[in-house]
Amino acid sequence: MIVRLIVFIAIFFTAWWLYRKFITFKGEQSPAKSEKAKSSKKEESQESMVRCEECQTFTPRSHAIHDQEARPFCSAEHLKQFNKNAL
């Protein structure tokens, strides 16, 4: 009697595990979900770029240095050069 119960429990958990793997596999194969996941990852990894006022190169917005008038610069040296040239 106990052996039958143990075998039944083992079969139940094996079937449950296989069912969960199948559901996960089908979810990964869905093209709509995979496109949404790819686009959301892409949007998270992209950052807007700004052009340096001195050398005109593009720099990520988080790396740029801004002056009082919110003009972006790629480095502190270019900010200083821009201020010298403006005077």
N, C-alpha and C. Protein backbone atom coordinates (compact mmCIF):
# COMPACT_ATOMS: atom_id res chain seq x y z
N MET A 1 0.82 -1.19 0.00
CA MET A 1 0.00 0.00 0.00
C MET A 1 0.87 1.26 0.00
N ILE A 2 1.89 1.32 0.83
CA ILE A 2 2.76 2.49 0.91
C ILE A 2 3.54 2.64 -0.40
N VAL A 3 3.95 1.54 -0.98
CA VAL A 3 4.71 1.59 -2.23
C VAL A 3 3.86 2.21 -3.32
N ARG A 4 2.59 1.86 -3.40
CA ARG A 4 1.68 2.44 -4.39
C ARG A 4 1.54 3.94 -4.17
N LEU A 5 1.43 4.35 -2.93
CA LEU A 5 1.31 5.78 -2.61
C LEU A 5 2.56 6.53 -3.04
N ILE A 6 3.72 5.99 -2.76
CA ILE A 6 4.98 6.64 -3.14
C ILE A 6 5.09 6.73 -4.66
N VAL A 7 4.74 5.66 -5.36
CA VAL A 7 4.78 5.67 -6.82
C VAL A 7 3.80 6.70 -7.37
N PHE A 8 2.60 6.76 -6.80
CA PHE A 8 1.60 7.73 -7.25
C PHE A 8 2.11 9.15 -7.03
N ILE A 9 2.70 9.44 -5.90
CA ILE A 9 3.23 10.79 -5.61
C ILE A 9 4.36 11.12 -6.57
N ALA A 10 5.24 10.16 -6.85
CA ALA A 10 6.35 10.39 -7.78
C ALA A 10 5.82 10.68 -9.19
N ILE A 11 4.82 9.94 -9.63
CA ILE A 11 4.24 10.17 -10.95
C ILE A 11 3.56 11.54 -11.00
N PHE A 12 2.85 11.89 -9.93
CA PHE A 12 2.17 13.19 -9.87
C PHE A 12 3.17 14.34 -9.98
N PHE A 13 4.24 14.31 -9.20
CA PHE A 13 5.21 15.40 -9.23
C PHE A 13 5.99 15.44 -10.54
N THR A 14 6.25 14.29 -11.13
CA THR A 14 6.91 14.27 -12.44
C THR A 14 6.01 14.89 -13.50
N ALA A 15 4.74 14.55 -13.49
CA ALA A 15 3.79 15.12 -14.45
C ALA A 15 3.65 16.62 -14.23
N TRP A 16 3.60 17.04 -12.98
CA TRP A 16 3.48 18.47 -12.67
C TRP A 16 4.72 19.21 -13.14
N TRP A 17 5.90 18.67 -12.94
CA TRP A 17 7.15 19.29 -13.38
C TRP A 17 7.18 19.40 -14.91
N LEU A 18 6.79 18.33 -15.61
CA LEU A 18 6.76 18.36 -17.07
C LEU A 18 5.76 19.39 -17.59
N TYR A 19 4.61 19.49 -16.93
CA TYR A 19 3.61 20.48 -17.32
C TYR A 19 4.17 21.90 -17.18
N ARG A 20 4.84 22.19 -16.08
CA ARG A 20 5.42 23.52 -15.86
C ARG A 20 6.49 23.83 -16.91
N LYS A 21 7.31 22.85 -17.25
CA LYS A 21 8.33 23.05 -18.28
C LYS A 21 7.67 23.32 -19.64
N PHE A 22 6.60 22.61 -19.95
CA PHE A 22 5.89 22.81 -21.21
C PHE A 22 5.30 24.21 -21.29
N ILE A 23 4.68 24.67 -20.21
CA ILE A 23 4.08 26.01 -20.18
C ILE A 23 5.16 27.08 -20.36
N THR A 24 6.29 26.90 -19.69
CA THR A 24 7.39 27.85 -19.82
C THR A 24 7.92 27.87 -21.25
N PHE A 25 8.07 26.70 -21.84
CA PHE A 25 8.57 26.59 -23.22
C PHE A 25 7.61 27.27 -24.20
N LYS A 26 6.32 27.05 -24.05
CA LYS A 26 5.34 27.65 -24.94
C LYS A 26 5.32 29.17 -24.77
N GLY A 27 5.50 29.65 -23.56
CA GLY A 27 5.53 31.09 -23.33
C GLY A 27 6.72 31.75 -23.99
N GLU A 28 7.86 31.06 -24.02
CA GLU A 28 9.05 31.61 -24.67
C GLU A 28 8.92 31.60 -26.18
N GLN A 29 8.15 30.68 -26.73
CA GLN A 29 8.01 30.54 -28.17
C GLN A 29 7.01 31.53 -28.77
N SER A 30 6.20 32.16 -27.95
CA SER A 30 5.19 33.10 -28.44
C SER A 30 5.87 34.31 -29.06
N PRO A 31 5.63 34.61 -30.34
CA PRO A 31 6.31 35.74 -30.99
C PRO A 31 5.90 37.09 -30.43
N ALA A 32 4.66 37.25 -30.03
CA ALA A 32 4.21 38.54 -29.51
C ALA A 32 4.91 38.86 -28.20
N LYS A 33 5.02 37.89 -27.32
CA LYS A 33 5.67 38.13 -26.05
C LYS A 33 7.16 38.35 -26.23
N SER A 34 7.80 37.61 -27.13
CA SER A 34 9.24 37.78 -27.33
C SER A 34 9.55 39.14 -27.93
N GLU A 35 8.68 39.65 -28.83
CA GLU A 35 8.90 40.98 -29.40
C GLU A 35 8.75 42.05 -28.33
N LYS A 36 7.76 41.90 -27.47
CA LYS A 36 7.58 42.88 -26.39
C LYS A 36 8.77 42.86 -25.45
N ALA A 37 9.27 41.69 -25.12
CA ALA A 37 10.41 41.59 -24.23
C ALA A 37 11.64 42.22 -24.86
N LYS A 38 11.86 41.96 -26.16
CA LYS A 38 13.01 42.54 -26.84
C LYS A 38 12.91 44.05 -26.92
N SER A 39 11.72 44.57 -27.24
CA SER A 39 11.57 46.01 -27.37
C SER A 39 11.71 46.71 -26.03
N SER A 40 11.21 46.08 -24.96
CA SER A 40 11.35 46.72 -23.65
C SER A 40 12.80 46.72 -23.20
N LYS A 41 13.54 45.66 -23.50
CA LYS A 41 14.97 45.63 -23.16
C LYS A 41 15.72 46.67 -23.98
N LYS A 42 15.35 46.81 -25.23
CA LYS A 42 16.02 47.77 -26.10
C LYS A 42 15.76 49.19 -25.60
N GLU A 43 14.52 49.49 -25.22
CA GLU A 43 14.20 50.82 -24.73
C GLU A 43 14.93 51.13 -23.44
N GLU A 44 15.09 50.13 -22.58
CA GLU A 44 15.79 50.35 -21.33
C GLU A 44 17.27 50.61 -21.56
N SER A 45 17.85 49.95 -22.55
CA SER A 45 19.28 50.09 -22.78
C SER A 45 19.62 51.34 -23.57
N GLN A 46 18.67 51.91 -24.30
CA GLN A 46 18.96 53.10 -25.09
C GLN A 46 18.87 54.34 -24.22
N GLU A 47 19.77 55.27 -24.50
CA GLU A 47 19.78 56.52 -23.78
C GLU A 47 19.90 57.64 -24.80
N SER A 48 19.27 58.76 -24.55
CA SER A 48 19.34 59.85 -25.51
C SER A 48 20.74 60.45 -25.52
N MET A 49 21.12 60.91 -26.71
CA MET A 49 22.44 61.49 -26.90
C MET A 49 22.30 63.00 -27.09
N VAL A 50 23.31 63.73 -26.63
CA VAL A 50 23.35 65.18 -26.80
C VAL A 50 24.65 65.55 -27.49
N ARG A 51 24.63 66.66 -28.22
CA ARG A 51 25.82 67.09 -28.96
C ARG A 51 26.58 68.13 -28.16
N CYS A 52 27.88 67.92 -28.04
CA CYS A 52 28.75 68.86 -27.34
C CYS A 52 28.77 70.18 -28.10
N GLU A 53 28.65 71.27 -27.38
CA GLU A 53 28.63 72.60 -28.01
C GLU A 53 30.00 72.98 -28.55
N GLU A 54 31.05 72.42 -28.01
CA GLU A 54 32.41 72.79 -28.44
C GLU A 54 32.90 71.95 -29.62
N CYS A 55 32.86 70.64 -29.50
CA CYS A 55 33.45 69.77 -30.54
C CYS A 55 32.41 69.08 -31.41
N GLN A 56 31.14 69.22 -31.10
CA GLN A 56 30.03 68.67 -31.88
C GLN A 56 29.97 67.14 -31.89
N THR A 57 30.59 66.50 -30.90
CA THR A 57 30.47 65.04 -30.80
C THR A 57 29.28 64.70 -29.92
N PHE A 58 28.74 63.51 -30.14
CA PHE A 58 27.59 63.07 -29.36
C PHE A 58 28.05 62.36 -28.10
N THR A 59 27.36 62.64 -27.00
CA THR A 59 27.66 62.06 -25.70
C THR A 59 26.35 61.63 -25.06
N PRO A 60 26.34 60.52 -24.33
CA PRO A 60 25.11 60.15 -23.62
C PRO A 60 24.71 61.25 -22.64
N ARG A 61 23.42 61.47 -22.52
CA ARG A 61 22.93 62.56 -21.67
C ARG A 61 23.42 62.43 -20.23
N SER A 62 23.53 61.22 -19.72
CA SER A 62 23.96 61.04 -18.33
C SER A 62 25.44 61.35 -18.14
N HIS A 63 26.24 61.35 -19.22
CA HIS A 63 27.68 61.62 -19.12
C HIS A 63 28.01 63.07 -19.43
N ALA A 64 27.07 63.78 -20.00
CA ALA A 64 27.32 65.16 -20.41
C ALA A 64 27.39 66.09 -19.21
N ILE A 65 28.14 67.16 -19.40
CA ILE A 65 28.24 68.23 -18.39
C ILE A 65 27.47 69.42 -18.95
N HIS A 66 26.61 70.02 -18.15
CA HIS A 66 25.77 71.12 -18.62
C HIS A 66 26.18 72.41 -17.92
N ASP A 67 26.10 73.51 -18.66
CA ASP A 67 26.36 74.81 -18.05
C ASP A 67 25.06 75.40 -17.51
N GLN A 68 25.10 76.67 -17.10
CA GLN A 68 23.92 77.29 -16.49
C GLN A 68 22.76 77.40 -17.47
N GLU A 69 23.05 77.46 -18.74
CA GLU A 69 22.00 77.60 -19.74
C GLU A 69 21.61 76.24 -20.34
N ALA A 70 22.01 75.17 -19.67
CA ALA A 70 21.66 73.79 -20.05
C ALA A 70 22.25 73.36 -21.38
N ARG A 71 23.37 73.96 -21.77
CA ARG A 71 24.06 73.52 -22.98
C ARG A 71 24.93 72.32 -22.61
N PRO A 72 24.92 71.26 -23.41
CA PRO A 72 25.69 70.06 -23.07
C PRO A 72 27.13 70.15 -23.57
N PHE A 73 28.04 69.56 -22.79
CA PHE A 73 29.45 69.45 -23.16
C PHE A 73 29.92 68.04 -22.83
N CYS A 74 30.88 67.54 -23.62
CA CYS A 74 31.36 66.18 -23.40
C CYS A 74 32.36 66.11 -22.26
N SER A 75 33.01 67.23 -21.91
CA SER A 75 33.98 67.22 -20.81
C SER A 75 34.06 68.60 -20.18
N ALA A 76 34.67 68.64 -19.02
CA ALA A 76 34.84 69.92 -18.32
C ALA A 76 35.80 70.83 -19.09
N GLU A 77 36.78 70.25 -19.77
CA GLU A 77 37.72 71.05 -20.56
C GLU A 77 37.00 71.78 -21.69
N HIS A 78 36.07 71.10 -22.34
CA HIS A 78 35.33 71.76 -23.42
C HIS A 78 34.41 72.84 -22.88
N LEU A 79 33.88 72.64 -21.70
CA LEU A 79 33.08 73.70 -21.06
C LEU A 79 33.94 74.92 -20.81
N LYS A 80 35.16 74.72 -20.30
CA LYS A 80 36.07 75.84 -20.04
C LYS A 80 36.47 76.53 -21.35
N GLN A 81 36.78 75.75 -22.38
CA GLN A 81 37.15 76.33 -23.67
C GLN A 81 35.99 77.15 -24.25
N PHE A 82 34.79 76.63 -24.14
CA PHE A 82 33.62 77.33 -24.66
C PHE A 82 33.43 78.66 -23.92
N ASN A 83 33.62 78.65 -22.61
CA ASN A 83 33.47 79.88 -21.83
C ASN A 83 34.57 80.88 -22.17
N LYS A 84 35.81 80.41 -22.44
CA LYS A 84 36.89 81.31 -22.83
C LYS A 84 36.60 81.95 -24.18
N ASN A 85 36.12 81.13 -25.13
CA ASN A 85 35.84 81.65 -26.47
C ASN A 85 34.66 82.62 -26.45
N ALA A 86 33.73 82.43 -25.53
CA ALA A 86 32.55 83.29 -25.46
C ALA A 86 32.92 84.69 -24.94
N LEU A 87 33.96 84.77 -24.16
CA LEU A 87 34.36 86.09 -23.62
C LEU A 87 35.14 86.83 -24.62
